[in-house]
Amino acid sequence: MIVEVITGADERPEARVVDVDDLGRLHLALGQVTDTEAAEVLERSGLGRLADPQTAWLDAAALRAAAEPRATAGDWIQQWDAMVAQARSQGWLSDDGASIKVHVESAAGA
């Protein structure tokens, strides 16, 4: 699953969740947006926040709410639970379990 922050309509950055059935990976992909724009869009969308240019914290409940209705895999909920368990085992889950730490992939020249 990927959370993208890209330039949307009218050149305004927007956040969207894509590849919702691929729960074997999770990261934040930034298009041609600045870190400031990305941070603002993530917080405004409720999907998370940038910790630094290489790391973000995604809100687990908001991410699930955005992805689950579009999921097509019959075992999506089990895959989600496995992804969250994996994040916990790697130390990528916040202490309260509300946020998942992810890597940020920036577009070249952003």
PDB file of N, CA and C in Angstrom:
ATOM      1  N   MET A   1       0.847  -1.158   0.000  1.00  0.00           N
ATOM      2  CA  MET A   1       0.000   0.000   0.000  1.00  0.00           C
ATOM      3  C   MET A   1       0.899   1.230   0.000  1.00  0.00           C
ATOM      4  N   ILE A   2       0.454   2.222  -0.702  1.00  0.00           N
ATOM      5  CA  ILE A   2       1.228   3.457  -0.813  1.00  0.00           C
ATOM      6  C   ILE A   2       0.320   4.640  -0.518  1.00  0.00           C
ATOM      7  N   VAL A   3       0.803   5.552   0.296  1.00  0.00           N
ATOM      8  CA  VAL A   3       0.154   6.843   0.439  1.00  0.00           C
ATOM      9  C   VAL A   3       0.957   7.790  -0.433  1.00  0.00           C
ATOM     10  N   GLU A   4       0.287   8.398  -1.389  1.00  0.00           N
ATOM     11  CA  GLU A   4       0.937   9.333  -2.295  1.00  0.00           C
ATOM     12  C   GLU A   4       0.516  10.756  -1.962  1.00  0.00           C
ATOM     13  N   VAL A   5       1.475  11.656  -2.046  1.00  0.00           N
ATOM     14  CA  VAL A   5       1.166  13.085  -2.021  1.00  0.00           C
ATOM     15  C   VAL A   5       1.672  13.611  -3.354  1.00  0.00           C
ATOM     16  N   ILE A   6       0.716  14.012  -4.171  1.00  0.00           N
ATOM     17  CA  ILE A   6       1.034  14.442  -5.529  1.00  0.00           C
ATOM     18  C   ILE A   6       0.340  15.761  -5.823  1.00  0.00           C
ATOM     19  N   THR A   7       0.753  16.382  -6.907  1.00  0.00           N
ATOM     20  CA  THR A   7       0.081  17.596  -7.345  1.00  0.00           C
ATOM     21  C   THR A   7      -1.228  17.167  -7.988  1.00  0.00           C
ATOM     22  N   GLY A   8      -2.305  17.690  -7.469  1.00  0.00           N
ATOM     23  CA  GLY A   8      -3.635  17.310  -7.959  1.00  0.00           C
ATOM     24  C   GLY A   8      -4.241  18.386  -8.826  1.00  0.00           C
ATOM     25  N   ALA A   9      -5.547  18.448  -8.796  1.00  0.00           N
ATOM     26  CA  ALA A   9      -6.280  19.426  -9.588  1.00  0.00           C
ATOM     27  C   ALA A   9      -5.859  20.845  -9.223  1.00  0.00           C
ATOM     28  N   ASP A  10      -5.808  21.687 -10.218  1.00  0.00           N
ATOM     29  CA  ASP A  10      -5.435  23.090 -10.013  1.00  0.00           C
ATOM     30  C   ASP A  10      -4.065  23.244  -9.359  1.00  0.00           C
ATOM     31  N   GLU A  11      -3.186  22.249  -9.584  1.00  0.00           N
ATOM     32  CA  GLU A  11      -1.821  22.308  -9.054  1.00  0.00           C
ATOM     33  C   GLU A  11      -1.761  22.303  -7.535  1.00  0.00           C
ATOM     34  N   ARG A  12      -2.852  21.913  -6.870  1.00  0.00           N
ATOM     35  CA  ARG A  12      -2.865  21.830  -5.407  1.00  0.00           C
ATOM     36  C   ARG A  12      -2.511  20.411  -5.006  1.00  0.00           C
ATOM     37  N   PRO A  13      -1.528  20.226  -4.129  1.00  0.00           N
ATOM     38  CA  PRO A  13      -1.163  18.876  -3.693  1.00  0.00           C
ATOM     39  C   PRO A  13      -2.331  18.181  -2.994  1.00  0.00           C
ATOM     40  N   GLU A  14      -2.410  16.870  -3.186  1.00  0.00           N
ATOM     41  CA  GLU A  14      -3.436  16.062  -2.535  1.00  0.00           C
ATOM     42  C   GLU A  14      -2.834  14.723  -2.117  1.00  0.00           C
ATOM     43  N   ALA A  15      -3.446  14.109  -1.136  1.00  0.00           N
ATOM     44  CA  ALA A  15      -3.008  12.793  -0.652  1.00  0.00           C
ATOM     45  C   ALA A  15      -4.015  11.754  -1.111  1.00  0.00           C
ATOM     46  N   ARG A  16      -3.506  10.582  -1.483  1.00  0.00           N
ATOM     47  CA  ARG A  16      -4.379   9.474  -1.840  1.00  0.00           C
ATOM     48  C   ARG A  16      -3.700   8.158  -1.482  1.00  0.00           C
ATOM     49  N   VAL A  17      -4.529   7.158  -1.232  1.00  0.00           N
ATOM     50  CA  VAL A  17      -4.038   5.830  -0.885  1.00  0.00           C
ATOM     51  C   VAL A  17      -4.225   4.939  -2.109  1.00  0.00           C
ATOM     52  N   VAL A  18      -3.133   4.319  -2.557  1.00  0.00           N
ATOM     53  CA  VAL A  18      -3.170   3.471  -3.749  1.00  0.00           C
ATOM     54  C   VAL A  18      -2.586   2.102  -3.434  1.00  0.00           C
ATOM     55  N   ASP A  19      -2.736   1.186  -4.360  1.00  0.00           N
ATOM     56  CA  ASP A  19      -2.260  -0.197  -4.189  1.00  0.00           C
ATOM     57  C   ASP A  19      -2.777  -0.785  -2.881  1.00  0.00           C
ATOM     58  N   VAL A  20      -4.067  -0.619  -2.638  1.00  0.00           N
ATOM     59  CA  VAL A  20      -4.646  -0.990  -1.345  1.00  0.00           C
ATOM     60  C   VAL A  20      -4.618  -2.487  -1.069  1.00  0.00           C
ATOM     61  N   ASP A  21      -4.491  -3.321  -2.103  1.00  0.00           N
ATOM     62  CA  ASP A  21      -4.441  -4.767  -1.881  1.00  0.00           C
ATOM     63  C   ASP A  21      -3.027  -5.284  -1.656  1.00  0.00           C
ATOM     64  N   ASP A  22      -2.028  -4.435  -1.791  1.00  0.00           N
ATOM     65  CA  ASP A  22      -0.636  -4.853  -1.579  1.00  0.00           C
ATOM     66  C   ASP A  22      -0.215  -4.466  -0.170  1.00  0.00           C
ATOM     67  N   LEU A  23      -0.509  -5.325   0.789  1.00  0.00           N
ATOM     68  CA  LEU A  23      -0.191  -5.019   2.185  1.00  0.00           C
ATOM     69  C   LEU A  23       1.169  -5.571   2.606  1.00  0.00           C
ATOM     70  N   GLY A  24       1.950  -6.028   1.649  1.00  0.00           N
ATOM     71  CA  GLY A  24       3.297  -6.497   1.939  1.00  0.00           C
ATOM     72  C   GLY A  24       4.306  -5.361   2.009  1.00  0.00           C
ATOM     73  N   ARG A  25       3.853  -4.166   1.705  1.00  0.00           N
ATOM     74  CA  ARG A  25       4.724  -2.983   1.755  1.00  0.00           C
ATOM     75  C   ARG A  25       3.862  -1.780   2.077  1.00  0.00           C
ATOM     76  N   LEU A  26       4.451  -0.819   2.715  1.00  0.00           N
ATOM     77  CA  LEU A  26       3.746   0.417   3.048  1.00  0.00           C
ATOM     78  C   LEU A  26       4.763   1.536   3.094  1.00  0.00           C
ATOM     79  N   HIS A  27       4.525   2.577   2.325  1.00  0.00           N
ATOM     80  CA  HIS A  27       5.406   3.749   2.378  1.00  0.00           C
ATOM     81  C   HIS A  27       4.658   4.981   1.889  1.00  0.00           C
ATOM     82  N   LEU A  28       5.302   6.111   2.082  1.00  0.00           N
ATOM     83  CA  LEU A  28       4.789   7.392   1.622  1.00  0.00           C
ATOM     84  C   LEU A  28       5.594   7.797   0.401  1.00  0.00           C
ATOM     85  N   ALA A  29       4.919   8.062  -0.702  1.00  0.00           N
ATOM     86  CA  ALA A  29       5.573   8.496  -1.936  1.00  0.00           C
ATOM     87  C   ALA A  29       5.211   9.949  -2.200  1.00  0.00           C
ATOM     88  N   LEU A  30       6.236  10.773  -2.346  1.00  0.00           N
ATOM     89  CA  LEU A  30       6.021  12.189  -2.619  1.00  0.00           C
ATOM     90  C   LEU A  30       6.302  12.474  -4.081  1.00  0.00           C
ATOM     91  N   GLY A  31       5.360  13.119  -4.732  1.00  0.00           N
ATOM     92  CA  GLY A  31       5.563  13.568  -6.104  1.00  0.00           C
ATOM     93  C   GLY A  31       6.344  14.875  -6.087  1.00  0.00           C
ATOM     94  N   GLN A  32       6.081  15.706  -7.054  1.00  0.00           N
ATOM     95  CA  GLN A  32       6.783  16.978  -7.162  1.00  0.00           C
ATOM     96  C   GLN A  32       6.177  17.992  -6.196  1.00  0.00           C
ATOM     97  N   VAL A  33       6.353  17.726  -4.912  1.00  0.00           N
ATOM     98  CA  VAL A  33       5.869  18.611  -3.854  1.00  0.00           C
ATOM     99  C   VAL A  33       7.009  18.856  -2.876  1.00  0.00           C
ATOM    100  N   THR A  34       6.938  19.966  -2.191  1.00  0.00           N
ATOM    101  CA  THR A  34       7.942  20.254  -1.173  1.00  0.00           C
ATOM    102  C   THR A  34       7.593  19.496   0.110  1.00  0.00           C
ATOM    103  N   ASP A  35       8.554  19.384   1.000  1.00  0.00           N
ATOM    104  CA  ASP A  35       8.291  18.751   2.294  1.00  0.00           C
ATOM    105  C   ASP A  35       7.196  19.508   3.047  1.00  0.00           C
ATOM    106  N   THR A  36       7.198  20.829   2.941  1.00  0.00           N
ATOM    107  CA  THR A  36       6.178  21.635   3.612  1.00  0.00           C
ATOM    108  C   THR A  36       4.795  21.333   3.052  1.00  0.00           C
ATOM    109  N   GLU A  37       4.684  21.259   1.729  1.00  0.00           N
ATOM    110  CA  GLU A  37       3.399  20.919   1.111  1.00  0.00           C
ATOM    111  C   GLU A  37       2.953  19.518   1.531  1.00  0.00           C
ATOM    112  N   ALA A  38       3.889  18.584   1.519  1.00  0.00           N
ATOM    113  CA  ALA A  38       3.560  17.207   1.903  1.00  0.00           C
ATOM    114  C   ALA A  38       3.068  17.149   3.339  1.00  0.00           C
ATOM    115  N   ALA A  39       3.756  17.843   4.230  1.00  0.00           N
ATOM    116  CA  ALA A  39       3.363  17.849   5.640  1.00  0.00           C
ATOM    117  C   ALA A  39       1.960  18.425   5.807  1.00  0.00           C
ATOM    118  N   GLU A  40       1.686  19.524   5.129  1.00  0.00           N
ATOM    119  CA  GLU A  40       0.370  20.159   5.229  1.00  0.00           C
ATOM    120  C   GLU A  40      -0.732  19.249   4.705  1.00  0.00           C
ATOM    121  N   VAL A  41      -0.493  18.605   3.566  1.00  0.00           N
ATOM    122  CA  VAL A  41      -1.499  17.736   2.957  1.00  0.00           C
ATOM    123  C   VAL A  41      -1.751  16.512   3.827  1.00  0.00           C
ATOM    124  N   LEU A  42      -0.700  15.909   4.352  1.00  0.00           N
ATOM    125  CA  LEU A  42      -0.873  14.741   5.221  1.00  0.00           C
ATOM    126  C   LEU A  42      -1.709  15.087   6.443  1.00  0.00           C
ATOM    127  N   GLU A  43      -1.382  16.197   7.074  1.00  0.00           N
ATOM    128  CA  GLU A  43      -2.120  16.581   8.278  1.00  0.00           C
ATOM    129  C   GLU A  43      -3.556  16.978   7.942  1.00  0.00           C
ATOM    130  N   ARG A  44      -3.751  17.714   6.871  1.00  0.00           N
ATOM    131  CA  ARG A  44      -5.091  18.140   6.479  1.00  0.00           C
ATOM    132  C   ARG A  44      -5.970  16.934   6.127  1.00  0.00           C
ATOM    133  N   SER A  45      -5.386  15.920   5.500  1.00  0.00           N
ATOM    134  CA  SER A  45      -6.145  14.727   5.102  1.00  0.00           C
ATOM    135  C   SER A  45      -6.414  13.803   6.276  1.00  0.00           C
ATOM    136  N   GLY A  46      -5.660  13.999   7.365  1.00  0.00           N
ATOM    137  CA  GLY A  46      -5.797  13.118   8.519  1.00  0.00           C
ATOM    138  C   GLY A  46      -5.027  11.817   8.381  1.00  0.00           C
ATOM    139  N   LEU A  47      -4.260  11.678   7.303  1.00  0.00           N
ATOM    140  CA  LEU A  47      -3.544  10.427   7.063  1.00  0.00           C
ATOM    141  C   LEU A  47      -2.243  10.309   7.849  1.00  0.00           C
ATOM    142  N   GLY A  48      -1.705  11.417   8.345  1.00  0.00           N
ATOM    143  CA  GLY A  48      -0.471  11.297   9.112  1.00  0.00           C
ATOM    144  C   GLY A  48       0.302  12.594   9.175  1.00  0.00           C
ATOM    145  N   ARG A  49       1.607  12.426   9.428  1.00  0.00           N
ATOM    146  CA  ARG A  49       2.478  13.590   9.537  1.00  0.00           C
ATOM    147  C   ARG A  49       3.899  13.194   9.166  1.00  0.00           C
ATOM    148  N   LEU A  50       4.652  14.149   8.656  1.00  0.00           N
ATOM    149  CA  LEU A  50       6.068  13.930   8.388  1.00  0.00           C
ATOM    150  C   LEU A  50       6.849  14.086   9.689  1.00  0.00           C
ATOM    151  N   ALA A  51       7.733  13.144   9.957  1.00  0.00           N
ATOM    152  CA  ALA A  51       8.624  13.264  11.110  1.00  0.00           C
ATOM    153  C   ALA A  51       9.891  14.000  10.686  1.00  0.00           C
ATOM    154  N   ASP A  52      10.374  13.673   9.492  1.00  0.00           N
ATOM    155  CA  ASP A  52      11.547  14.294   8.885  1.00  0.00           C
ATOM    156  C   ASP A  52      11.489  13.957   7.399  1.00  0.00           C
ATOM    157  N   PRO A  53      12.430  14.420   6.590  1.00  0.00           N
ATOM    158  CA  PRO A  53      12.331  14.175   5.144  1.00  0.00           C
ATOM    159  C   PRO A  53      12.350  12.691   4.736  1.00  0.00           C
ATOM    160  N   GLN A  54      12.823  11.813   5.600  1.00  0.00           N
ATOM    161  CA  GLN A  54      12.892  10.396   5.271  1.00  0.00           C
ATOM    162  C   GLN A  54      11.842   9.531   5.977  1.00  0.00           C
ATOM    163  N   THR A  55      11.110  10.096   6.931  1.00  0.00           N
ATOM    164  CA  THR A  55      10.211   9.309   7.766  1.00  0.00           C
ATOM    165  C   THR A  55       8.872  10.010   7.965  1.00  0.00           C
ATOM    166  N   ALA A  56       7.812   9.203   7.965  1.00  0.00           N
ATOM    167  CA  ALA A  56       6.478   9.725   8.261  1.00  0.00           C
ATOM    168  C   ALA A  56       5.780   8.773   9.213  1.00  0.00           C
ATOM    169  N   TRP A  57       4.806   9.303   9.924  1.00  0.00           N
ATOM    170  CA  TRP A  57       3.922   8.505  10.767  1.00  0.00           C
ATOM    171  C   TRP A  57       2.543   8.571  10.139  1.00  0.00           C
ATOM    172  N   LEU A  58       2.003   7.416   9.738  1.00  0.00           N
ATOM    173  CA  LEU A  58       0.676   7.357   9.145  1.00  0.00           C
ATOM    174  C   LEU A  58      -0.329   6.924  10.195  1.00  0.00           C
ATOM    175  N   ASP A  59      -1.475   7.569  10.209  1.00  0.00           N
ATOM    176  CA  ASP A  59      -2.541   7.247  11.147  1.00  0.00           C
ATOM    177  C   ASP A  59      -3.180   5.926  10.703  1.00  0.00           C
ATOM    178  N   ALA A  60      -3.055   4.896  11.525  1.00  0.00           N
ATOM    179  CA  ALA A  60      -3.523   3.562  11.159  1.00  0.00           C
ATOM    180  C   ALA A  60      -5.024   3.529  10.881  1.00  0.00           C
ATOM    181  N   ALA A  61      -5.821   4.168  11.711  1.00  0.00           N
ATOM    182  CA  ALA A  61      -7.275   4.149  11.523  1.00  0.00           C
ATOM    183  C   ALA A  61      -7.676   4.878  10.243  1.00  0.00           C
ATOM    184  N   ALA A  62      -7.071   6.023   9.984  1.00  0.00           N
ATOM    185  CA  ALA A  62      -7.391   6.785   8.773  1.00  0.00           C
ATOM    186  C   ALA A  62      -6.949   6.029   7.527  1.00  0.00           C
ATOM    187  N   LEU A  63      -5.788   5.397   7.607  1.00  0.00           N
ATOM    188  CA  LEU A  63      -5.281   4.619   6.478  1.00  0.00           C
ATOM    189  C   LEU A  63      -6.224   3.453   6.181  1.00  0.00           C
ATOM    190  N   ARG A  64      -6.618   2.740   7.217  1.00  0.00           N
ATOM    191  CA  ARG A  64      -7.533   1.616   7.026  1.00  0.00           C
ATOM    192  C   ARG A  64      -8.869   2.100   6.467  1.00  0.00           C
ATOM    193  N   ALA A  65      -9.389   3.199   6.997  1.00  0.00           N
ATOM    194  CA  ALA A  65     -10.665   3.731   6.525  1.00  0.00           C
ATOM    195  C   ALA A  65     -10.597   4.130   5.046  1.00  0.00           C
ATOM    196  N   ALA A  66      -9.453   4.622   4.610  1.00  0.00           N
ATOM    197  CA  ALA A  66      -9.297   5.025   3.215  1.00  0.00           C
ATOM    198  C   ALA A  66      -9.123   3.823   2.294  1.00  0.00           C
ATOM    199  N   ALA A  67      -8.490   2.770   2.789  1.00  0.00           N
ATOM    200  CA  ALA A  67      -8.146   1.629   1.941  1.00  0.00           C
ATOM    201  C   ALA A  67      -9.189   0.510   1.927  1.00  0.00           C
ATOM    202  N   GLU A  68      -9.710   0.161   3.073  1.00  0.00           N
ATOM    203  CA  GLU A  68     -10.565  -1.023   3.173  1.00  0.00           C
ATOM    204  C   GLU A  68     -11.768  -1.023   2.228  1.00  0.00           C
ATOM    205  N   PRO A  69     -12.483   0.108   2.060  1.00  0.00           N
ATOM    206  CA  PRO A  69     -13.645   0.075   1.157  1.00  0.00           C
ATOM    207  C   PRO A  69     -13.290  -0.239  -0.297  1.00  0.00           C
ATOM    208  N   ARG A  70     -12.045   0.012  -0.682  1.00  0.00           N
ATOM    209  CA  ARG A  70     -11.615  -0.225  -2.072  1.00  0.00           C
ATOM    210  C   ARG A  70     -10.869  -1.545  -2.241  1.00  0.00           C
ATOM    211  N   ALA A  71     -10.642  -2.253  -1.152  1.00  0.00           N
ATOM    212  CA  ALA A  71      -9.899  -3.514  -1.202  1.00  0.00           C
ATOM    213  C   ALA A  71     -10.716  -4.586  -1.911  1.00  0.00           C
ATOM    214  N   THR A  72     -10.026  -5.430  -2.673  1.00  0.00           N
ATOM    215  CA  THR A  72     -10.702  -6.510  -3.382  1.00  0.00           C
ATOM    216  C   THR A  72     -10.282  -7.891  -2.880  1.00  0.00           C
ATOM    217  N   ALA A  73      -9.204  -7.968  -2.126  1.00  0.00           N
ATOM    218  CA  ALA A  73      -8.726  -9.255  -1.610  1.00  0.00           C
ATOM    219  C   ALA A  73      -9.695  -9.769  -0.546  1.00  0.00           C
ATOM    220  N   GLY A  74     -10.077 -11.030  -0.664  1.00  0.00           N
ATOM    221  CA  GLY A  74     -11.008 -11.620   0.281  1.00  0.00           C
ATOM    222  C   GLY A  74     -10.493 -11.683   1.697  1.00  0.00           C
ATOM    223  N   ASP A  75      -9.180 -11.756   1.841  1.00  0.00           N
ATOM    224  CA  ASP A  75      -8.563 -11.845   3.174  1.00  0.00           C
ATOM    225  C   ASP A  75      -7.889 -10.533   3.565  1.00  0.00           C
ATOM    226  N   TRP A  76      -8.403  -9.432   3.050  1.00  0.00           N
ATOM    227  CA  TRP A  76      -7.757  -8.136   3.274  1.00  0.00           C
ATOM    228  C   TRP A  76      -7.612  -7.818   4.755  1.00  0.00           C
ATOM    229  N   ILE A  77      -8.639  -8.061   5.546  1.00  0.00           N
ATOM    230  CA  ILE A  77      -8.575  -7.733   6.973  1.00  0.00           C
ATOM    231  C   ILE A  77      -7.467  -8.534   7.659  1.00  0.00           C
ATOM    232  N   GLN A  78      -7.324  -9.793   7.302  1.00  0.00           N
ATOM    233  CA  GLN A  78      -6.250 -10.612   7.880  1.00  0.00           C
ATOM    234  C   GLN A  78      -4.877 -10.093   7.438  1.00  0.00           C
ATOM    235  N   GLN A  79      -4.786  -9.682   6.172  1.00  0.00           N
ATOM    236  CA  GLN A  79      -3.523  -9.110   5.690  1.00  0.00           C
ATOM    237  C   GLN A  79      -3.215  -7.797   6.412  1.00  0.00           C
ATOM    238  N   TRP A  80      -4.239  -6.977   6.638  1.00  0.00           N
ATOM    239  CA  TRP A  80      -4.058  -5.728   7.376  1.00  0.00           C
ATOM    240  C   TRP A  80      -3.516  -6.025   8.769  1.00  0.00           C
ATOM    241  N   ASP A  81      -4.180  -6.959   9.466  1.00  0.00           N
ATOM    242  CA  ASP A  81      -3.752  -7.316  10.821  1.00  0.00           C
ATOM    243  C   ASP A  81      -2.313  -7.828  10.835  1.00  0.00           C
ATOM    244  N   ALA A  82      -1.940  -8.608   9.813  1.00  0.00           N
ATOM    245  CA  ALA A  82      -0.571  -9.117   9.714  1.00  0.00           C
ATOM    246  C   ALA A  82       0.415  -7.971   9.475  1.00  0.00           C
ATOM    247  N   MET A  83       0.020  -6.991   8.657  1.00  0.00           N
ATOM    248  CA  MET A  83       0.898  -5.847   8.393  1.00  0.00           C
ATOM    249  C   MET A  83       1.123  -5.046   9.677  1.00  0.00           C
ATOM    250  N   VAL A  84       0.060  -4.827  10.430  1.00  0.00           N
ATOM    251  CA  VAL A  84       0.186  -4.079  11.686  1.00  0.00           C
ATOM    252  C   VAL A  84       1.036  -4.868  12.683  1.00  0.00           C
ATOM    253  N   ALA A  85       0.853  -6.178  12.755  1.00  0.00           N
ATOM    254  CA  ALA A  85       1.670  -7.011  13.646  1.00  0.00           C
ATOM    255  C   ALA A  85       3.138  -6.952  13.244  1.00  0.00           C
ATOM    256  N   GLN A  86       3.405  -6.983  11.942  1.00  0.00           N
ATOM    257  CA  GLN A  86       4.783  -6.874  11.452  1.00  0.00           C
ATOM    258  C   GLN A  86       5.374  -5.520  11.838  1.00  0.00           C
ATOM    259  N   ALA A  87       4.590  -4.450  11.674  1.00  0.00           N
ATOM    260  CA  ALA A  87       5.062  -3.116  12.061  1.00  0.00           C
ATOM    261  C   ALA A  87       5.390  -3.088  13.555  1.00  0.00           C
ATOM    262  N   ARG A  88       4.543  -3.695  14.361  1.00  0.00           N
ATOM    263  CA  ARG A  88       4.778  -3.736  15.803  1.00  0.00           C
ATOM    264  C   ARG A  88       6.081  -4.493  16.111  1.00  0.00           C
ATOM    265  N   SER A  89       6.284  -5.632  15.456  1.00  0.00           N
ATOM    266  CA  SER A  89       7.474  -6.451  15.727  1.00  0.00           C
ATOM    267  C   SER A  89       8.762  -5.749  15.302  1.00  0.00           C
ATOM    268  N   GLN A  90       8.669  -4.843  14.338  1.00  0.00           N
ATOM    269  CA  GLN A  90       9.843  -4.111  13.855  1.00  0.00           C
ATOM    270  C   GLN A  90      10.060  -2.791  14.594  1.00  0.00           C
ATOM    271  N   GLY A  91       9.152  -2.455  15.519  1.00  0.00           N
ATOM    272  CA  GLY A  91       9.266  -1.183  16.229  1.00  0.00           C
ATOM    273  C   GLY A  91       8.752  -0.011  15.424  1.00  0.00           C
ATOM    274  N   TRP A  92       7.912  -0.282  14.430  1.00  0.00           N
ATOM    275  CA  TRP A  92       7.405   0.762  13.556  1.00  0.00           C
ATOM    276  C   TRP A  92       6.007   1.219  13.944  1.00  0.00           C
ATOM    277  N   LEU A  93       5.493   0.731  15.059  1.00  0.00           N
ATOM    278  CA  LEU A  93       4.172   1.122  15.524  1.00  0.00           C
ATOM    279  C   LEU A  93       4.348   2.027  16.737  1.00  0.00           C
ATOM    280  N   SER A  94       3.587   3.110  16.798  1.00  0.00           N
ATOM    281  CA  SER A  94       3.680   4.013  17.943  1.00  0.00           C
ATOM    282  C   SER A  94       3.271   3.259  19.207  1.00  0.00           C
ATOM    283  N   ASP A  95       3.678   3.778  20.344  1.00  0.00           N
ATOM    284  CA  ASP A  95       3.380   3.118  21.618  1.00  0.00           C
ATOM    285  C   ASP A  95       1.894   2.870  21.816  1.00  0.00           C
ATOM    286  N   ASP A  96       1.064   3.802  21.351  1.00  0.00           N
ATOM    287  CA  ASP A  96      -0.379   3.634  21.514  1.00  0.00           C
ATOM    288  C   ASP A  96      -1.021   2.835  20.373  1.00  0.00           C
ATOM    289  N   GLY A  97      -0.222   2.426  19.390  1.00  0.00           N
ATOM    290  CA  GLY A  97      -0.726   1.627  18.279  1.00  0.00           C
ATOM    291  C   GLY A  97      -1.497   2.415  17.235  1.00  0.00           C
ATOM    292  N   ALA A  98      -1.541   3.732  17.378  1.00  0.00           N
ATOM    293  CA  ALA A  98      -2.350   4.551  16.483  1.00  0.00           C
ATOM    294  C   ALA A  98      -1.647   4.934  15.183  1.00  0.00           C
ATOM    295  N   SER A  99      -0.305   4.888  15.161  1.00  0.00           N
ATOM    296  CA  SER A  99       0.445   5.345  13.999  1.00  0.00           C
ATOM    297  C   SER A  99       1.492   4.331  13.585  1.00  0.00           C
ATOM    298  N   ILE A 100       1.729   4.272  12.272  1.00  0.00           N
ATOM    299  CA  ILE A 100       2.720   3.374  11.698  1.00  0.00           C
ATOM    300  C   ILE A 100       3.835   4.217  11.084  1.00  0.00           C
ATOM    301  N   LYS A 101       5.061   3.923  11.469  1.00  0.00           N
ATOM    302  CA  LYS A 101       6.229   4.630  10.944  1.00  0.00           C
ATOM    303  C   LYS A 101       6.582   4.053   9.572  1.00  0.00           C
ATOM    304  N   VAL A 102       6.732   4.945   8.586  1.00  0.00           N
ATOM    305  CA  VAL A 102       7.030   4.506   7.228  1.00  0.00           C
ATOM    306  C   VAL A 102       8.156   5.328   6.623  1.00  0.00           C
ATOM    307  N   HIS A 103       8.765   4.759   5.602  1.00  0.00           N
ATOM    308  CA  HIS A 103       9.814   5.418   4.837  1.00  0.00           C
ATOM    309  C   HIS A 103       9.168   6.352   3.812  1.00  0.00           C
ATOM    310  N   VAL A 104       9.828   7.477   3.562  1.00  0.00           N
ATOM    311  CA  VAL A 104       9.364   8.437   2.563  1.00  0.00           C
ATOM    312  C   VAL A 104      10.221   8.281   1.315  1.00  0.00           C
ATOM    313  N   GLU A 105       9.568   8.134   0.181  1.00  0.00           N
ATOM    314  CA  GLU A 105      10.244   8.100  -1.106  1.00  0.00           C
ATOM    315  C   GLU A 105       9.878   9.374  -1.850  1.00  0.00           C
ATOM    316  N   SER A 106      10.884  10.210  -2.115  1.00  0.00           N
ATOM    317  CA  SER A 106      10.643  11.493  -2.785  1.00  0.00           C
ATOM    318  C   SER A 106      10.963  11.393  -4.256  1.00  0.00           C
ATOM    319  N   ALA A 107      10.204  12.117  -5.059  1.00  0.00           N
ATOM    320  CA  ALA A 107      10.499  12.211  -6.480  1.00  0.00           C
ATOM    321  C   ALA A 107      11.792  13.001  -6.643  1.00  0.00           C
ATOM    322  N   ALA A 108      12.568  12.648  -7.623  1.00  0.00           N
ATOM    323  CA  ALA A 108      13.829  13.345  -7.884  1.00  0.00           C
ATOM    324  C   ALA A 108      13.546  14.811  -8.158  1.00  0.00           C
ATOM    325  N   GLY A 109      14.275  15.665  -7.474  1.00  0.00           N
ATOM    326  CA  GLY A 109      14.147  17.095  -7.694  1.00  0.00           C
ATOM    327  C   GLY A 109      13.008  17.755  -6.963  1.00  0.00           C
ATOM    328  N   ALA A 110      12.336  17.010  -6.098  1.00  0.00           N
ATOM    329  CA  ALA A 110      11.203  17.607  -5.395  1.00  0.00           C
ATOM    330  C   ALA A 110      11.679  18.532  -4.306  1.00  0.00           C
TER     331      ALA A 110
END
